[in-house]
Each structure stands twice: as structure tokens, then as C-alpha cells.
Amino acid sequence: MKLKTSKELVDEAMDKIKTLSPLELKELQKQKPDLVLIDIRDIRELKKTGKIKGAKHMPRGMLEFWLDPESPYYKKDITPDKTKVLYCASNWRSALAALTIQEMGFNNVSHIKGGFQAMVDEGFETEIIE
């Protein structure tokens, strides 16, 4: 039996999800002011680098539970109808996460090409996490 590699999983996800550049995100934020930007990185990463200002932190391991209205962990402020844009450090975890929540039934989800650093390089403001 040949195992599927993580690269194969990411490549498959990339073929099925929408990827935005940081510039495209800036335009989308103008069109959809209620857009939810979601940082799925580990809390240790956020403590080290901060996060994009205004982004919600939803660790990858809890994402599905926090977005599922039937879950006891559901975050009521991020309703299914809101546009969701995910990012991680590069764009591998966010690709897999975007595919997962798309498979849950969300049709308003995308992720950021290049992740956190690409957004910082494009001038997105960051904030410190303690």
C-alpha cells in the first residue's frame, strides 16, 4: 500500500479550493466588511509572530468544531453565512483546512497564498498575542 504524501494532499486541496493573494483579500475586505479572517496557526506561532490585526484565531485542531452550529464548541459570532478566509504560516495547512470546511458544506471559504508572511509583506498590520 502506498501512502498519500502530505504534498499530494495539499496539491489535491489546492485544485478544489479558492486561493486569494493578499491583494485580492484587501479588495474582498472592501466588498465584504463582515468577512472573517481566520488564523489557523498554533498559539505558539502567534505568540512568536503576532497575528494579522482583526483576525480570529481558530487553531487548526478546533476549526471544524468551532464552525459547526451543532457542536458544543460552536463560536456563535462566526455564522455559516459569513465569508471566511483562512491563513497559516505558508499556505499548506490553510489549504487543507479550507478544503475540510468546504466539505462540511461551506461555499464561502478561501485561503491566502503565501500565508502570514505574504500578508505582512503586503502591508497588513499585525498585533501581538500574549
N, C-alpha and C. Protein backbone atom coordinates (compact mmCIF):
# COMPACT_ATOMS: atom_id res chain seq x y z
N MET A 1 0.84 -1.19 0.00
CA MET A 1 0.00 0.00 0.00
C MET A 1 0.88 1.25 0.00
N LYS A 2 0.61 2.15 -0.91
CA LYS A 2 1.35 3.41 -0.98
C LYS A 2 0.57 4.48 -0.23
N LEU A 3 1.24 5.11 0.70
CA LEU A 3 0.60 6.20 1.43
C LEU A 3 0.60 7.46 0.58
N LYS A 4 -0.44 8.25 0.73
CA LYS A 4 -0.51 9.54 0.07
C LYS A 4 0.37 10.50 0.86
N THR A 5 1.19 11.29 0.20
CA THR A 5 2.07 12.22 0.88
C THR A 5 1.31 13.49 1.27
N SER A 6 1.89 14.22 2.19
CA SER A 6 1.28 15.50 2.57
C SER A 6 1.25 16.45 1.38
N LYS A 7 2.28 16.41 0.54
CA LYS A 7 2.30 17.25 -0.66
C LYS A 7 1.15 16.89 -1.59
N GLU A 8 0.90 15.60 -1.75
CA GLU A 8 -0.23 15.17 -2.60
C GLU A 8 -1.56 15.68 -2.03
N LEU A 9 -1.71 15.59 -0.72
CA LEU A 9 -2.93 16.09 -0.09
C LEU A 9 -3.11 17.59 -0.32
N VAL A 10 -2.03 18.34 -0.13
CA VAL A 10 -2.09 19.79 -0.34
C VAL A 10 -2.38 20.10 -1.80
N ASP A 11 -1.72 19.41 -2.72
CA ASP A 11 -1.96 19.65 -4.16
C ASP A 11 -3.42 19.38 -4.52
N GLU A 12 -3.98 18.30 -3.99
CA GLU A 12 -5.39 17.98 -4.25
C GLU A 12 -6.30 19.07 -3.69
N ALA A 13 -5.99 19.54 -2.49
CA ALA A 13 -6.79 20.60 -1.88
C ALA A 13 -6.72 21.87 -2.73
N MET A 14 -5.53 22.22 -3.19
CA MET A 14 -5.35 23.43 -3.99
C MET A 14 -6.20 23.41 -5.26
N ASP A 15 -6.42 22.21 -5.80
CA ASP A 15 -7.23 22.08 -7.01
C ASP A 15 -8.72 22.29 -6.74
N LYS A 16 -9.12 22.18 -5.48
CA LYS A 16 -10.55 22.20 -5.14
C LYS A 16 -11.00 23.45 -4.41
N ILE A 17 -10.07 24.28 -3.98
CA ILE A 17 -10.43 25.45 -3.17
C ILE A 17 -10.03 26.73 -3.87
N LYS A 18 -10.52 27.84 -3.33
CA LYS A 18 -10.18 29.15 -3.87
C LYS A 18 -9.00 29.71 -3.10
N THR A 19 -8.00 30.17 -3.83
CA THR A 19 -6.81 30.77 -3.25
C THR A 19 -6.80 32.25 -3.61
N LEU A 20 -6.60 33.10 -2.61
CA LEU A 20 -6.53 34.54 -2.82
C LEU A 20 -5.12 35.04 -2.56
N SER A 21 -4.70 36.03 -3.30
CA SER A 21 -3.46 36.73 -2.96
C SER A 21 -3.79 37.73 -1.86
N PRO A 22 -2.79 38.22 -1.14
CA PRO A 22 -3.07 39.25 -0.14
C PRO A 22 -3.75 40.48 -0.75
N LEU A 23 -3.38 40.85 -1.98
CA LEU A 23 -4.04 41.99 -2.62
C LEU A 23 -5.50 41.72 -2.90
N GLU A 24 -5.81 40.49 -3.34
CA GLU A 24 -7.21 40.13 -3.58
C GLU A 24 -8.00 40.16 -2.27
N LEU A 25 -7.35 39.77 -1.18
CA LEU A 25 -8.02 39.84 0.12
C LEU A 25 -8.36 41.29 0.46
N LYS A 26 -7.45 42.21 0.24
CA LYS A 26 -7.72 43.62 0.54
C LYS A 26 -8.96 44.09 -0.22
N GLU A 27 -9.09 43.72 -1.48
CA GLU A 27 -10.26 44.10 -2.28
C GLU A 27 -11.53 43.45 -1.74
N LEU A 28 -11.44 42.16 -1.40
CA LEU A 28 -12.60 41.45 -0.88
C LEU A 28 -13.07 42.04 0.45
N GLN A 29 -12.13 42.48 1.28
CA GLN A 29 -12.49 43.10 2.56
C GLN A 29 -13.28 44.39 2.34
N LYS A 30 -12.98 45.11 1.26
CA LYS A 30 -13.74 46.32 0.94
C LYS A 30 -15.17 45.97 0.53
N GLN A 31 -15.32 44.87 -0.20
CA GLN A 31 -16.64 44.45 -0.68
C GLN A 31 -17.47 43.77 0.39
N LYS A 32 -16.80 43.09 1.31
CA LYS A 32 -17.49 42.31 2.34
C LYS A 32 -16.93 42.67 3.71
N PRO A 33 -17.41 43.76 4.29
CA PRO A 33 -16.86 44.20 5.58
C PRO A 33 -17.07 43.20 6.72
N ASP A 34 -18.00 42.25 6.56
CA ASP A 34 -18.22 41.26 7.63
C ASP A 34 -17.40 39.99 7.41
N LEU A 35 -16.50 40.01 6.44
CA LEU A 35 -15.61 38.89 6.17
C LEU A 35 -14.84 38.52 7.44
N VAL A 36 -14.66 37.23 7.67
CA VAL A 36 -13.93 36.76 8.84
C VAL A 36 -12.59 36.21 8.38
N LEU A 37 -11.52 36.84 8.82
CA LEU A 37 -10.17 36.39 8.55
C LEU A 37 -9.77 35.47 9.69
N ILE A 38 -9.36 34.24 9.37
CA ILE A 38 -9.11 33.22 10.39
C ILE A 38 -7.66 32.74 10.33
N ASP A 39 -6.96 32.92 11.44
CA ASP A 39 -5.60 32.44 11.59
C ASP A 39 -5.68 31.05 12.22
N ILE A 40 -5.23 30.02 11.49
CA ILE A 40 -5.34 28.66 12.00
C ILE A 40 -4.04 28.15 12.62
N ARG A 41 -3.05 29.01 12.74
CA ARG A 41 -1.76 28.58 13.28
C ARG A 41 -1.86 28.23 14.75
N ASP A 42 -0.87 27.52 15.21
CA ASP A 42 -0.74 27.13 16.61
C ASP A 42 -0.51 28.38 17.46
N ILE A 43 -0.99 28.37 18.68
CA ILE A 43 -0.85 29.52 19.58
C ILE A 43 0.61 29.90 19.77
N ARG A 44 1.53 28.93 19.75
CA ARG A 44 2.96 29.25 19.91
C ARG A 44 3.45 30.11 18.75
N GLU A 45 2.93 29.86 17.55
CA GLU A 45 3.31 30.68 16.40
C GLU A 45 2.80 32.11 16.57
N LEU A 46 1.58 32.25 17.04
CA LEU A 46 1.00 33.58 17.24
C LEU A 46 1.77 34.35 18.30
N LYS A 47 2.17 33.67 19.36
CA LYS A 47 2.93 34.34 20.42
C LYS A 47 4.29 34.80 19.91
N LYS A 48 4.85 34.07 18.97
CA LYS A 48 6.16 34.41 18.42
C LYS A 48 6.07 35.55 17.40
N THR A 49 5.06 35.53 16.53
CA THR A 49 5.00 36.49 15.42
C THR A 49 3.84 37.47 15.49
N GLY A 50 2.88 37.23 16.38
CA GLY A 50 1.65 38.02 16.35
C GLY A 50 0.73 37.46 15.29
N LYS A 51 -0.38 38.15 15.07
CA LYS A 51 -1.33 37.75 14.03
C LYS A 51 -1.76 38.99 13.26
N ILE A 52 -2.43 38.78 12.16
CA ILE A 52 -2.93 39.91 11.39
C ILE A 52 -4.02 40.60 12.23
N LYS A 53 -3.93 41.90 12.30
CA LYS A 53 -4.87 42.66 13.11
C LYS A 53 -6.31 42.37 12.67
N GLY A 54 -7.13 42.04 13.66
CA GLY A 54 -8.54 41.78 13.41
C GLY A 54 -8.86 40.34 13.07
N ALA A 55 -7.84 39.52 12.84
CA ALA A 55 -8.08 38.11 12.51
C ALA A 55 -8.54 37.36 13.76
N LYS A 56 -9.38 36.38 13.55
CA LYS A 56 -9.81 35.49 14.63
C LYS A 56 -8.83 34.33 14.68
N HIS A 57 -8.43 33.94 15.87
CA HIS A 57 -7.58 32.76 15.99
C HIS A 57 -8.47 31.55 16.20
N MET A 58 -8.36 30.60 15.29
CA MET A 58 -9.07 29.33 15.39
C MET A 58 -8.06 28.24 15.09
N PRO A 59 -7.46 27.64 16.13
CA PRO A 59 -6.43 26.65 15.88
C PRO A 59 -6.95 25.52 14.99
N ARG A 60 -6.08 25.04 14.14
CA ARG A 60 -6.44 24.01 13.16
C ARG A 60 -7.17 22.84 13.80
N GLY A 61 -6.76 22.44 14.96
CA GLY A 61 -7.37 21.29 15.62
C GLY A 61 -8.79 21.51 16.10
N MET A 62 -9.24 22.75 16.18
CA MET A 62 -10.60 23.04 16.66
C MET A 62 -11.50 23.64 15.59
N LEU A 63 -10.97 23.92 14.43
CA LEU A 63 -11.68 24.66 13.38
C LEU A 63 -13.06 24.09 13.08
N GLU A 64 -13.13 22.80 12.77
CA GLU A 64 -14.40 22.20 12.40
C GLU A 64 -15.42 22.29 13.55
N PHE A 65 -14.95 22.10 14.77
CA PHE A 65 -15.84 22.14 15.93
C PHE A 65 -16.35 23.55 16.20
N TRP A 66 -15.49 24.54 16.02
CA TRP A 66 -15.87 25.93 16.27
C TRP A 66 -16.80 26.47 15.19
N LEU A 67 -16.78 25.87 14.00
CA LEU A 67 -17.63 26.35 12.90
C LEU A 67 -18.92 25.55 12.74
N ASP A 68 -19.06 24.46 13.45
CA ASP A 68 -20.24 23.60 13.35
C ASP A 68 -21.32 24.06 14.34
N PRO A 69 -22.45 24.58 13.83
CA PRO A 69 -23.51 25.05 14.73
C PRO A 69 -24.05 23.97 15.68
N GLU A 70 -23.84 22.70 15.37
CA GLU A 70 -24.34 21.62 16.23
C GLU A 70 -23.30 21.16 17.25
N SER A 71 -22.10 21.71 17.18
CA SER A 71 -21.04 21.33 18.10
C SER A 71 -21.16 22.11 19.41
N PRO A 72 -20.83 21.49 20.54
CA PRO A 72 -20.83 22.24 21.81
C PRO A 72 -19.77 23.32 21.85
N TYR A 73 -18.81 23.30 20.90
CA TYR A 73 -17.73 24.29 20.86
C TYR A 73 -18.00 25.41 19.86
N TYR A 74 -19.18 25.42 19.26
CA TYR A 74 -19.54 26.38 18.22
C TYR A 74 -19.32 27.83 18.68
N LYS A 75 -18.67 28.60 17.82
CA LYS A 75 -18.47 30.03 18.06
C LYS A 75 -19.57 30.78 17.34
N LYS A 76 -20.54 31.25 18.09
CA LYS A 76 -21.75 31.85 17.52
C LYS A 76 -21.50 33.11 16.69
N ASP A 77 -20.37 33.78 16.91
CA ASP A 77 -20.11 35.02 16.18
C ASP A 77 -19.61 34.77 14.75
N ILE A 78 -19.29 33.53 14.42
CA ILE A 78 -18.82 33.22 13.07
C ILE A 78 -19.85 32.31 12.42
N THR A 79 -20.92 32.93 11.96
CA THR A 79 -22.05 32.19 11.41
C THR A 79 -21.73 31.60 10.04
N PRO A 80 -22.44 30.53 9.66
CA PRO A 80 -22.17 29.88 8.38
C PRO A 80 -22.26 30.80 7.15
N ASP A 81 -23.06 31.84 7.22
CA ASP A 81 -23.23 32.72 6.06
C ASP A 81 -22.06 33.68 5.84
N LYS A 82 -21.23 33.88 6.84
CA LYS A 82 -20.12 34.84 6.69
C LYS A 82 -19.01 34.27 5.82
N THR A 83 -18.43 35.12 4.99
CA THR A 83 -17.28 34.74 4.17
C THR A 83 -16.08 34.51 5.09
N LYS A 84 -15.39 33.39 4.87
CA LYS A 84 -14.26 33.03 5.71
C LYS A 84 -13.01 32.91 4.85
N VAL A 85 -11.94 33.56 5.30
CA VAL A 85 -10.65 33.48 4.62
C VAL A 85 -9.64 33.00 5.65
N LEU A 86 -9.01 31.88 5.36
CA LEU A 86 -8.07 31.25 6.29
C LEU A 86 -6.63 31.55 5.88
N TYR A 87 -5.76 31.58 6.87
CA TYR A 87 -4.33 31.64 6.58
C TYR A 87 -3.56 30.90 7.66
N CYS A 88 -2.37 30.45 7.26
CA CYS A 88 -1.43 29.79 8.17
C CYS A 88 -0.07 30.43 7.93
N ALA A 89 1.00 29.73 8.21
CA ALA A 89 2.33 30.31 8.02
C ALA A 89 2.69 30.43 6.55
N SER A 90 2.39 29.42 5.76
CA SER A 90 2.74 29.47 4.34
C SER A 90 1.49 29.39 3.48
N ASN A 91 0.85 28.29 3.39
CA ASN A 91 -0.47 28.09 2.81
C ASN A 91 -0.82 26.62 2.66
N TRP A 92 -0.07 25.76 3.33
CA TRP A 92 -0.36 24.32 3.26
C TRP A 92 -1.49 23.93 4.21
N ARG A 93 -1.35 24.30 5.49
CA ARG A 93 -2.39 23.95 6.46
C ARG A 93 -3.70 24.64 6.13
N SER A 94 -3.61 25.89 5.68
CA SER A 94 -4.85 26.60 5.35
C SER A 94 -5.54 25.99 4.13
N ALA A 95 -4.77 25.44 3.19
CA ALA A 95 -5.38 24.76 2.04
C ALA A 95 -6.15 23.54 2.51
N LEU A 96 -5.53 22.74 3.37
CA LEU A 96 -6.20 21.54 3.88
C LEU A 96 -7.42 21.92 4.73
N ALA A 97 -7.28 22.95 5.54
CA ALA A 97 -8.39 23.40 6.39
C ALA A 97 -9.53 23.96 5.55
N ALA A 98 -9.22 24.73 4.52
CA ALA A 98 -10.26 25.29 3.66
C ALA A 98 -11.03 24.17 2.97
N LEU A 99 -10.32 23.15 2.50
CA LEU A 99 -10.99 22.02 1.87
C LEU A 99 -11.91 21.31 2.87
N THR A 100 -11.43 21.12 4.07
CA THR A 100 -12.23 20.43 5.09
C THR A 100 -13.53 21.18 5.36
N ILE A 101 -13.46 22.49 5.57
CA ILE A 101 -14.72 23.19 5.89
C ILE A 101 -15.58 23.36 4.63
N GLN A 102 -14.96 23.35 3.48
CA GLN A 102 -15.73 23.34 2.24
C GLN A 102 -16.51 22.02 2.15
N GLU A 103 -15.85 20.92 2.52
CA GLU A 103 -16.52 19.61 2.53
C GLU A 103 -17.62 19.54 3.58
N MET A 104 -17.54 20.38 4.62
CA MET A 104 -18.61 20.47 5.61
C MET A 104 -19.85 21.13 5.02
N GLY A 105 -19.69 21.84 3.91
CA GLY A 105 -20.83 22.50 3.28
C GLY A 105 -20.68 24.00 3.11
N PHE A 106 -19.61 24.56 3.62
CA PHE A 106 -19.38 25.99 3.45
C PHE A 106 -18.96 26.26 2.01
N ASN A 107 -19.61 27.22 1.36
CA ASN A 107 -19.23 27.57 -0.02
C ASN A 107 -18.62 28.95 -0.09
N ASN A 108 -18.36 29.53 1.05
CA ASN A 108 -17.84 30.89 1.13
C ASN A 108 -16.50 30.92 1.86
N VAL A 109 -15.62 30.02 1.45
CA VAL A 109 -14.33 29.88 2.12
C VAL A 109 -13.19 29.91 1.10
N SER A 110 -12.10 30.53 1.50
CA SER A 110 -10.89 30.56 0.68
C SER A 110 -9.70 30.66 1.62
N HIS A 111 -8.50 30.70 1.03
CA HIS A 111 -7.32 30.85 1.86
C HIS A 111 -6.31 31.74 1.13
N ILE A 112 -5.27 32.13 1.86
CA ILE A 112 -4.31 33.10 1.36
C ILE A 112 -3.03 32.44 0.86
N LYS A 113 -2.70 32.74 -0.38
CA LYS A 113 -1.46 32.25 -0.97
C LYS A 113 -0.28 32.93 -0.24
N GLY A 114 0.65 32.12 0.24
CA GLY A 114 1.81 32.67 0.92
C GLY A 114 1.62 32.88 2.40
N GLY A 115 0.38 32.78 2.88
CA GLY A 115 0.09 32.83 4.30
C GLY A 115 0.48 34.13 5.01
N PHE A 116 0.76 33.99 6.29
CA PHE A 116 1.02 35.12 7.17
C PHE A 116 2.10 36.05 6.63
N GLN A 117 3.24 35.51 6.24
CA GLN A 117 4.35 36.37 5.82
C GLN A 117 4.01 37.15 4.56
N ALA A 118 3.30 36.53 3.64
CA ALA A 118 2.90 37.23 2.42
C ALA A 118 1.98 38.41 2.75
N MET A 119 1.13 38.23 3.75
CA MET A 119 0.23 39.31 4.16
C MET A 119 1.03 40.44 4.82
N VAL A 120 1.97 40.09 5.67
CA VAL A 120 2.83 41.09 6.31
C VAL A 120 3.60 41.86 5.24
N ASP A 121 4.15 41.13 4.27
CA ASP A 121 4.91 41.76 3.19
C ASP A 121 4.05 42.70 2.36
N GLU A 122 2.73 42.45 2.34
CA GLU A 122 1.81 43.28 1.57
C GLU A 122 1.26 44.43 2.40
N GLY A 123 1.73 44.57 3.63
CA GLY A 123 1.36 45.73 4.44
C GLY A 123 0.24 45.51 5.43
N PHE A 124 -0.21 44.27 5.61
CA PHE A 124 -1.24 44.02 6.62
C PHE A 124 -0.64 44.28 7.99
N GLU A 125 -1.38 44.97 8.82
CA GLU A 125 -0.93 45.29 10.17
C GLU A 125 -1.05 44.06 11.07
N THR A 126 -0.10 43.92 11.99
CA THR A 126 -0.12 42.79 12.92
C THR A 126 -0.41 43.28 14.33
N GLU A 127 -0.78 42.34 15.18
CA GLU A 127 -0.98 42.65 16.60
C GLU A 127 -0.37 41.53 17.42
N ILE A 128 0.10 41.88 18.60
CA ILE A 128 0.78 40.95 19.50
C ILE A 128 -0.24 40.13 20.26
N ILE A 129 0.07 38.86 20.45
CA ILE A 129 -0.75 37.95 21.24
C ILE A 129 0.03 37.63 22.52
N GLU A 130 -0.63 37.70 23.65
CA GLU A 130 0.06 37.38 24.92
C GLU A 130 -0.43 36.09 25.48
